[in-house]
Amino acid sequence: MKLTFDKGTIRIQGDVRVPNSTWDERSKTYRAMALYYRDILDFLKRSGFDFNDEVLDLLPCHELQSSAVLRDY
């Protein structure tokens, strides 16, 4: 089973339906809104399923810097 992040949702690739997920016919996977990420992890750990969590494997991002000076209000 593999968990990934896709456009604001958690994709669950595997044959297990996790809480708060629905079947997505287009991707042939279960999906859940990202706000249920912690609940999904807790469920999978308690159930003893083997899974690969790639949700937080984010794309590299350059360090953002700004020379803007904020004014007092």
PDB file of N, CA and C in Angstrom:
ATOM      1  N   MET A   1       0.848  -1.160   0.000  1.00  0.00           N
ATOM      2  CA  MET A   1       0.000   0.000   0.000  1.00  0.00           C
ATOM      3  C   MET A   1       0.900   1.232   0.000  1.00  0.00           C
ATOM      4  N   LYS A   2       0.469   2.268  -0.717  1.00  0.00           N
ATOM      5  CA  LYS A   2       1.270   3.484  -0.795  1.00  0.00           C
ATOM      6  C   LYS A   2       0.366   4.703  -0.631  1.00  0.00           C
ATOM      7  N   LEU A   3       0.826   5.659   0.189  1.00  0.00           N
ATOM      8  CA  LEU A   3       0.121   6.934   0.385  1.00  0.00           C
ATOM      9  C   LEU A   3       0.915   8.026  -0.307  1.00  0.00           C
ATOM     10  N   THR A   4       0.222   8.845  -1.108  1.00  0.00           N
ATOM     11  CA  THR A   4       0.855   9.988  -1.759  1.00  0.00           C
ATOM     12  C   THR A   4      -0.075  11.187  -1.674  1.00  0.00           C
ATOM     13  N   PHE A   5       0.504  12.369  -1.838  1.00  0.00           N
ATOM     14  CA  PHE A   5      -0.270  13.601  -1.842  1.00  0.00           C
ATOM     15  C   PHE A   5      -0.503  14.010  -3.288  1.00  0.00           C
ATOM     16  N   ASP A   6      -1.751  14.362  -3.634  1.00  0.00           N
ATOM     17  CA  ASP A   6      -2.078  14.764  -5.000  1.00  0.00           C
ATOM     18  C   ASP A   6      -3.210  15.783  -4.982  1.00  0.00           C
ATOM     19  N   LYS A   7      -2.889  17.025  -5.304  1.00  0.00           N
ATOM     20  CA  LYS A   7      -3.891  18.093  -5.474  1.00  0.00           C
ATOM     21  C   LYS A   7      -4.833  18.230  -4.278  1.00  0.00           C
ATOM     22  N   GLY A   8      -4.278  18.271  -3.100  1.00  0.00           N
ATOM     23  CA  GLY A   8      -5.085  18.483  -1.902  1.00  0.00           C
ATOM     24  C   GLY A   8      -5.712  17.234  -1.319  1.00  0.00           C
ATOM     25  N   THR A   9      -5.398  16.089  -1.896  1.00  0.00           N
ATOM     26  CA  THR A   9      -5.952  14.837  -1.382  1.00  0.00           C
ATOM     27  C   THR A   9      -4.837  13.834  -1.110  1.00  0.00           C
ATOM     28  N   ILE A  10      -5.156  12.846  -0.304  1.00  0.00           N
ATOM     29  CA  ILE A  10      -4.266  11.730  -0.053  1.00  0.00           C
ATOM     30  C   ILE A  10      -4.730  10.587  -0.954  1.00  0.00           C
ATOM     31  N   ARG A  11      -3.845  10.112  -1.816  1.00  0.00           N
ATOM     32  CA  ARG A  11      -4.141   8.948  -2.659  1.00  0.00           C
ATOM     33  C   ARG A  11      -3.683   7.706  -1.921  1.00  0.00           C
ATOM     34  N   ILE A  12      -4.578   6.726  -1.831  1.00  0.00           N
ATOM     35  CA  ILE A  12      -4.278   5.474  -1.157  1.00  0.00           C
ATOM     36  C   ILE A  12      -4.263   4.386  -2.224  1.00  0.00           C
ATOM     37  N   GLN A  13      -3.076   3.943  -2.606  1.00  0.00           N
ATOM     38  CA  GLN A  13      -2.941   2.899  -3.608  1.00  0.00           C
ATOM     39  C   GLN A  13      -2.810   1.567  -2.896  1.00  0.00           C
ATOM     40  N   GLY A  14      -3.800   0.728  -3.069  1.00  0.00           N
ATOM     41  CA  GLY A  14      -3.831  -0.562  -2.409  1.00  0.00           C
ATOM     42  C   GLY A  14      -5.262  -1.057  -2.326  1.00  0.00           C
ATOM     43  N   ASP A  15      -5.455  -2.210  -1.732  1.00  0.00           N
ATOM     44  CA  ASP A  15      -6.781  -2.830  -1.674  1.00  0.00           C
ATOM     45  C   ASP A  15      -7.500  -2.608  -0.359  1.00  0.00           C
ATOM     46  N   VAL A  16      -7.081  -1.615   0.411  1.00  0.00           N
ATOM     47  CA  VAL A  16      -7.692  -1.375   1.718  1.00  0.00           C
ATOM     48  C   VAL A  16      -8.389  -0.024   1.702  1.00  0.00           C
ATOM     49  N   ARG A  17      -9.656  -0.029   2.100  1.00  0.00           N
ATOM     50  CA  ARG A  17     -10.383   1.228   2.225  1.00  0.00           C
ATOM     51  C   ARG A  17     -10.136   1.769   3.624  1.00  0.00           C
ATOM     52  N   VAL A  18      -9.588   2.968   3.684  1.00  0.00           N
ATOM     53  CA  VAL A  18      -9.305   3.588   4.977  1.00  0.00           C
ATOM     54  C   VAL A  18     -10.437   4.537   5.329  1.00  0.00           C
ATOM     55  N   PRO A  19     -10.593   4.906   6.610  1.00  0.00           N
ATOM     56  CA  PRO A  19     -11.655   5.828   7.008  1.00  0.00           C
ATOM     57  C   PRO A  19     -11.566   7.147   6.246  1.00  0.00           C
ATOM     58  N   ASN A  20     -12.696   7.733   5.971  1.00  0.00           N
ATOM     59  CA  ASN A  20     -12.837   9.036   5.312  1.00  0.00           C
ATOM     60  C   ASN A  20     -12.365   9.032   3.861  1.00  0.00           C
ATOM     61  N   SER A  21     -12.274   7.859   3.249  1.00  0.00           N
ATOM     62  CA  SER A  21     -11.841   7.800   1.853  1.00  0.00           C
ATOM     63  C   SER A  21     -12.996   7.357   0.964  1.00  0.00           C
ATOM     64  N   THR A  22     -12.900   7.710  -0.303  1.00  0.00           N
ATOM     65  CA  THR A  22     -13.873   7.279  -1.300  1.00  0.00           C
ATOM     66  C   THR A  22     -13.111   6.793  -2.532  1.00  0.00           C
ATOM     67  N   TRP A  23     -13.757   5.924  -3.287  1.00  0.00           N
ATOM     68  CA  TRP A  23     -13.142   5.377  -4.487  1.00  0.00           C
ATOM     69  C   TRP A  23     -13.156   6.432  -5.588  1.00  0.00           C
ATOM     70  N   ASP A  24     -12.013   6.608  -6.236  1.00  0.00           N
ATOM     71  CA  ASP A  24     -11.888   7.528  -7.368  1.00  0.00           C
ATOM     72  C   ASP A  24     -11.721   6.694  -8.625  1.00  0.00           C
ATOM     73  N   GLU A  25     -12.743   6.676  -9.435  1.00  0.00           N
ATOM     74  CA  GLU A  25     -12.742   5.846 -10.640  1.00  0.00           C
ATOM     75  C   GLU A  25     -11.672   6.281 -11.635  1.00  0.00           C
ATOM     76  N   ARG A  26     -11.386   7.576 -11.698  1.00  0.00           N
ATOM     77  CA  ARG A  26     -10.403   8.071 -12.661  1.00  0.00           C
ATOM     78  C   ARG A  26      -9.001   7.526 -12.382  1.00  0.00           C
ATOM     79  N   SER A  27      -8.580   7.565 -11.118  1.00  0.00           N
ATOM     80  CA  SER A  27      -7.221   7.118 -10.779  1.00  0.00           C
ATOM     81  C   SER A  27      -7.189   5.667 -10.290  1.00  0.00           C
ATOM     82  N   LYS A  28      -8.377   5.070 -10.136  1.00  0.00           N
ATOM     83  CA  LYS A  28      -8.482   3.688  -9.642  1.00  0.00           C
ATOM     84  C   LYS A  28      -7.813   3.522  -8.281  1.00  0.00           C
ATOM     85  N   THR A  29      -7.954   4.539  -7.432  1.00  0.00           N
ATOM     86  CA  THR A  29      -7.426   4.500  -6.071  1.00  0.00           C
ATOM     87  C   THR A  29      -8.472   5.075  -5.130  1.00  0.00           C
ATOM     88  N   TYR A  30      -8.261   4.830  -3.839  1.00  0.00           N
ATOM     89  CA  TYR A  30      -9.068   5.529  -2.849  1.00  0.00           C
ATOM     90  C   TYR A  30      -8.431   6.895  -2.616  1.00  0.00           C
ATOM     91  N   ARG A  31      -9.255   7.882  -2.294  1.00  0.00           N
ATOM     92  CA  ARG A  31      -8.774   9.229  -1.985  1.00  0.00           C
ATOM     93  C   ARG A  31      -9.467   9.735  -0.722  1.00  0.00           C
ATOM     94  N   ALA A  32      -8.724  10.571  -0.001  1.00  0.00           N
ATOM     95  CA  ALA A  32      -9.290  11.232   1.180  1.00  0.00           C
ATOM     96  C   ALA A  32      -8.773  12.663   1.203  1.00  0.00           C
ATOM     97  N   MET A  33      -9.568  13.556   1.745  1.00  0.00           N
ATOM     98  CA  MET A  33      -9.103  14.934   1.878  1.00  0.00           C
ATOM     99  C   MET A  33      -7.871  14.946   2.777  1.00  0.00           C
ATOM    100  N   ALA A  34      -6.930  15.836   2.469  1.00  0.00           N
ATOM    101  CA  ALA A  34      -5.649  15.861   3.170  1.00  0.00           C
ATOM    102  C   ALA A  34      -5.798  16.096   4.671  1.00  0.00           C
ATOM    103  N   LEU A  35      -6.872  16.721   5.090  1.00  0.00           N
ATOM    104  CA  LEU A  35      -7.040  16.981   6.524  1.00  0.00           C
ATOM    105  C   LEU A  35      -7.197  15.703   7.334  1.00  0.00           C
ATOM    106  N   TYR A  36      -7.457  14.577   6.669  1.00  0.00           N
ATOM    107  CA  TYR A  36      -7.590  13.288   7.361  1.00  0.00           C
ATOM    108  C   TYR A  36      -6.290  12.497   7.389  1.00  0.00           C
ATOM    109  N   TYR A  37      -5.184  13.101   7.012  1.00  0.00           N
ATOM    110  CA  TYR A  37      -3.890  12.413   6.947  1.00  0.00           C
ATOM    111  C   TYR A  37      -3.539  11.734   8.265  1.00  0.00           C
ATOM    112  N   ARG A  38      -3.620  12.444   9.365  1.00  0.00           N
ATOM    113  CA  ARG A  38      -3.264  11.878  10.675  1.00  0.00           C
ATOM    114  C   ARG A  38      -4.179  10.706  11.019  1.00  0.00           C
ATOM    115  N   ASP A  39      -5.477  10.830  10.747  1.00  0.00           N
ATOM    116  CA  ASP A  39      -6.419   9.742  11.024  1.00  0.00           C
ATOM    117  C   ASP A  39      -6.079   8.499  10.202  1.00  0.00           C
ATOM    118  N   ILE A  40      -5.694   8.703   8.948  1.00  0.00           N
ATOM    119  CA  ILE A  40      -5.341   7.584   8.077  1.00  0.00           C
ATOM    120  C   ILE A  40      -4.094   6.878   8.602  1.00  0.00           C
ATOM    121  N   LEU A  41      -3.081   7.658   8.975  1.00  0.00           N
ATOM    122  CA  LEU A  41      -1.864   7.058   9.530  1.00  0.00           C
ATOM    123  C   LEU A  41      -2.163   6.262  10.787  1.00  0.00           C
ATOM    124  N   ASP A  42      -2.941   6.846  11.689  1.00  0.00           N
ATOM    125  CA  ASP A  42      -3.294   6.151  12.933  1.00  0.00           C
ATOM    126  C   ASP A  42      -4.011   4.832  12.645  1.00  0.00           C
ATOM    127  N   PHE A  43      -4.960   4.865  11.712  1.00  0.00           N
ATOM    128  CA  PHE A  43      -5.714   3.665  11.349  1.00  0.00           C
ATOM    129  C   PHE A  43      -4.783   2.581  10.807  1.00  0.00           C
ATOM    130  N   LEU A  44      -3.900   2.960   9.879  1.00  0.00           N
ATOM    131  CA  LEU A  44      -3.010   1.965   9.265  1.00  0.00           C
ATOM    132  C   LEU A  44      -2.034   1.379  10.278  1.00  0.00           C
ATOM    133  N   LYS A  45      -1.513   2.211  11.177  1.00  0.00           N
ATOM    134  CA  LYS A  45      -0.587   1.719  12.197  1.00  0.00           C
ATOM    135  C   LYS A  45      -1.290   0.783  13.177  1.00  0.00           C
ATOM    136  N   ARG A  46      -2.494   1.165  13.625  1.00  0.00           N
ATOM    137  CA  ARG A  46      -3.253   0.320  14.555  1.00  0.00           C
ATOM    138  C   ARG A  46      -3.638  -1.011  13.923  1.00  0.00           C
ATOM    139  N   SER A  47      -3.928  -0.980  12.617  1.00  0.00           N
ATOM    140  CA  SER A  47      -4.374  -2.184  11.913  1.00  0.00           C
ATOM    141  C   SER A  47      -3.226  -3.105  11.537  1.00  0.00           C
ATOM    142  N   GLY A  48      -1.992  -2.619  11.612  1.00  0.00           N
ATOM    143  CA  GLY A  48      -0.842  -3.448  11.307  1.00  0.00           C
ATOM    144  C   GLY A  48      -0.557  -3.620   9.822  1.00  0.00           C
ATOM    145  N   PHE A  49      -1.140  -2.782   8.971  1.00  0.00           N
ATOM    146  CA  PHE A  49      -0.882  -2.869   7.535  1.00  0.00           C
ATOM    147  C   PHE A  49       0.515  -2.352   7.210  1.00  0.00           C
ATOM    148  N   ASP A  50       1.157  -3.000   6.252  1.00  0.00           N
ATOM    149  CA  ASP A  50       2.417  -2.482   5.720  1.00  0.00           C
ATOM    150  C   ASP A  50       2.077  -1.412   4.698  1.00  0.00           C
ATOM    151  N   PHE A  51       2.692  -0.241   4.832  1.00  0.00           N
ATOM    152  CA  PHE A  51       2.422   0.822   3.875  1.00  0.00           C
ATOM    153  C   PHE A  51       3.648   1.697   3.724  1.00  0.00           C
ATOM    154  N   ASN A  52       3.719   2.356   2.583  1.00  0.00           N
ATOM    155  CA  ASN A  52       4.796   3.266   2.262  1.00  0.00           C
ATOM    156  C   ASN A  52       4.212   4.677   2.239  1.00  0.00           C
ATOM    157  N   ASP A  53       4.630   5.523   3.156  1.00  0.00           N
ATOM    158  CA  ASP A  53       4.098   6.882   3.281  1.00  0.00           C
ATOM    159  C   ASP A  53       4.995   7.857   2.509  1.00  0.00           C
ATOM    160  N   GLU A  54       4.508   8.296   1.348  1.00  0.00           N
ATOM    161  CA  GLU A  54       5.242   9.259   0.533  1.00  0.00           C
ATOM    162  C   GLU A  54       4.552  10.622   0.514  1.00  0.00           C
ATOM    163  N   VAL A  55       3.641  10.838   1.435  1.00  0.00           N
ATOM    164  CA  VAL A  55       2.871  12.084   1.459  1.00  0.00           C
ATOM    165  C   VAL A  55       3.777  13.304   1.644  1.00  0.00           C
ATOM    166  N   LEU A  56       4.754  13.208   2.514  1.00  0.00           N
ATOM    167  CA  LEU A  56       5.601  14.369   2.795  1.00  0.00           C
ATOM    168  C   LEU A  56       6.874  14.397   1.953  1.00  0.00           C
ATOM    169  N   ASP A  57       6.938  13.563   0.904  1.00  0.00           N
ATOM    170  CA  ASP A  57       8.057  13.628  -0.038  1.00  0.00           C
ATOM    171  C   ASP A  57       7.791  14.787  -0.997  1.00  0.00           C
ATOM    172  N   LEU A  58       8.086  15.979  -0.529  1.00  0.00           N
ATOM    173  CA  LEU A  58       7.754  17.189  -1.282  1.00  0.00           C
ATOM    174  C   LEU A  58       8.804  17.500  -2.331  1.00  0.00           C
ATOM    175  N   LEU A  59       8.398  18.258  -3.325  1.00  0.00           N
ATOM    176  CA  LEU A  59       9.340  18.701  -4.341  1.00  0.00           C
ATOM    177  C   LEU A  59      10.341  19.655  -3.721  1.00  0.00           C
ATOM    178  N   PRO A  60      11.582  19.615  -4.163  1.00  0.00           N
ATOM    179  CA  PRO A  60      12.577  20.550  -3.627  1.00  0.00           C
ATOM    180  C   PRO A  60      12.175  21.992  -3.947  1.00  0.00           C
ATOM    181  N   CYS A  61      12.426  22.865  -3.014  1.00  0.00           N
ATOM    182  CA  CYS A  61      12.093  24.280  -3.188  1.00  0.00           C
ATOM    183  C   CYS A  61      13.297  25.116  -2.765  1.00  0.00           C
ATOM    184  N   HIS A  62      13.648  26.056  -3.604  1.00  0.00           N
ATOM    185  CA  HIS A  62      14.746  26.941  -3.253  1.00  0.00           C
ATOM    186  C   HIS A  62      14.363  27.780  -2.044  1.00  0.00           C
ATOM    187  N   GLU A  63      15.354  28.161  -1.272  1.00  0.00           N
ATOM    188  CA  GLU A  63      15.087  29.001  -0.116  1.00  0.00           C
ATOM    189  C   GLU A  63      14.597  30.361  -0.604  1.00  0.00           C
ATOM    190  N   LEU A  64      13.485  30.780  -0.084  1.00  0.00           N
ATOM    191  CA  LEU A  64      12.911  32.060  -0.487  1.00  0.00           C
ATOM    192  C   LEU A  64      13.482  33.182   0.360  1.00  0.00           C
ATOM    193  N   GLN A  65      13.862  34.252  -0.298  1.00  0.00           N
ATOM    194  CA  GLN A  65      14.393  35.415   0.401  1.00  0.00           C
ATOM    195  C   GLN A  65      13.727  36.663  -0.158  1.00  0.00           C
ATOM    196  N   SER A  66      13.668  37.686   0.664  1.00  0.00           N
ATOM    197  CA  SER A  66      13.068  38.945   0.228  1.00  0.00           C
ATOM    198  C   SER A  66      13.855  40.101   0.818  1.00  0.00           C
ATOM    199  N   SER A  67      13.992  41.159   0.035  1.00  0.00           N
ATOM    200  CA  SER A  67      14.664  42.362   0.534  1.00  0.00           C
ATOM    201  C   SER A  67      13.647  43.425   0.912  1.00  0.00           C
ATOM    202  N   ALA A  68      12.376  43.066   0.954  1.00  0.00           N
ATOM    203  CA  ALA A  68      11.344  44.035   1.306  1.00  0.00           C
ATOM    204  C   ALA A  68      11.465  44.448   2.757  1.00  0.00           C
ATOM    205  N   VAL A  69      11.293  45.733   3.009  1.00  0.00           N
ATOM    206  CA  VAL A  69      11.334  46.280   4.358  1.00  0.00           C
ATOM    207  C   VAL A  69       9.906  46.644   4.738  1.00  0.00           C
ATOM    208  N   LEU A  70       9.456  46.057   5.850  1.00  0.00           N
ATOM    209  CA  LEU A  70       8.090  46.329   6.300  1.00  0.00           C
ATOM    210  C   LEU A  70       8.054  47.638   7.077  1.00  0.00           C
ATOM    211  N   ARG A  71       6.974  48.361   6.940  1.00  0.00           N
ATOM    212  CA  ARG A  71       6.818  49.620   7.670  1.00  0.00           C
ATOM    213  C   ARG A  71       6.044  49.409   8.967  1.00  0.00           C
ATOM    214  N   ASP A  72       6.227  50.287   9.903  1.00  0.00           N
ATOM    215  CA  ASP A  72       5.486  50.253  11.165  1.00  0.00           C
ATOM    216  C   ASP A  72       4.056  50.737  10.929  1.00  0.00           C
ATOM    217  N   TYR A  73       3.176  50.242  11.716  1.00  0.00           N
ATOM    218  CA  TYR A  73       1.772  50.681  11.646  1.00  0.00           C
ATOM    219  C   TYR A  73       1.421  51.374  12.932  1.00  0.00           C
TER     220      TYR A  73
END
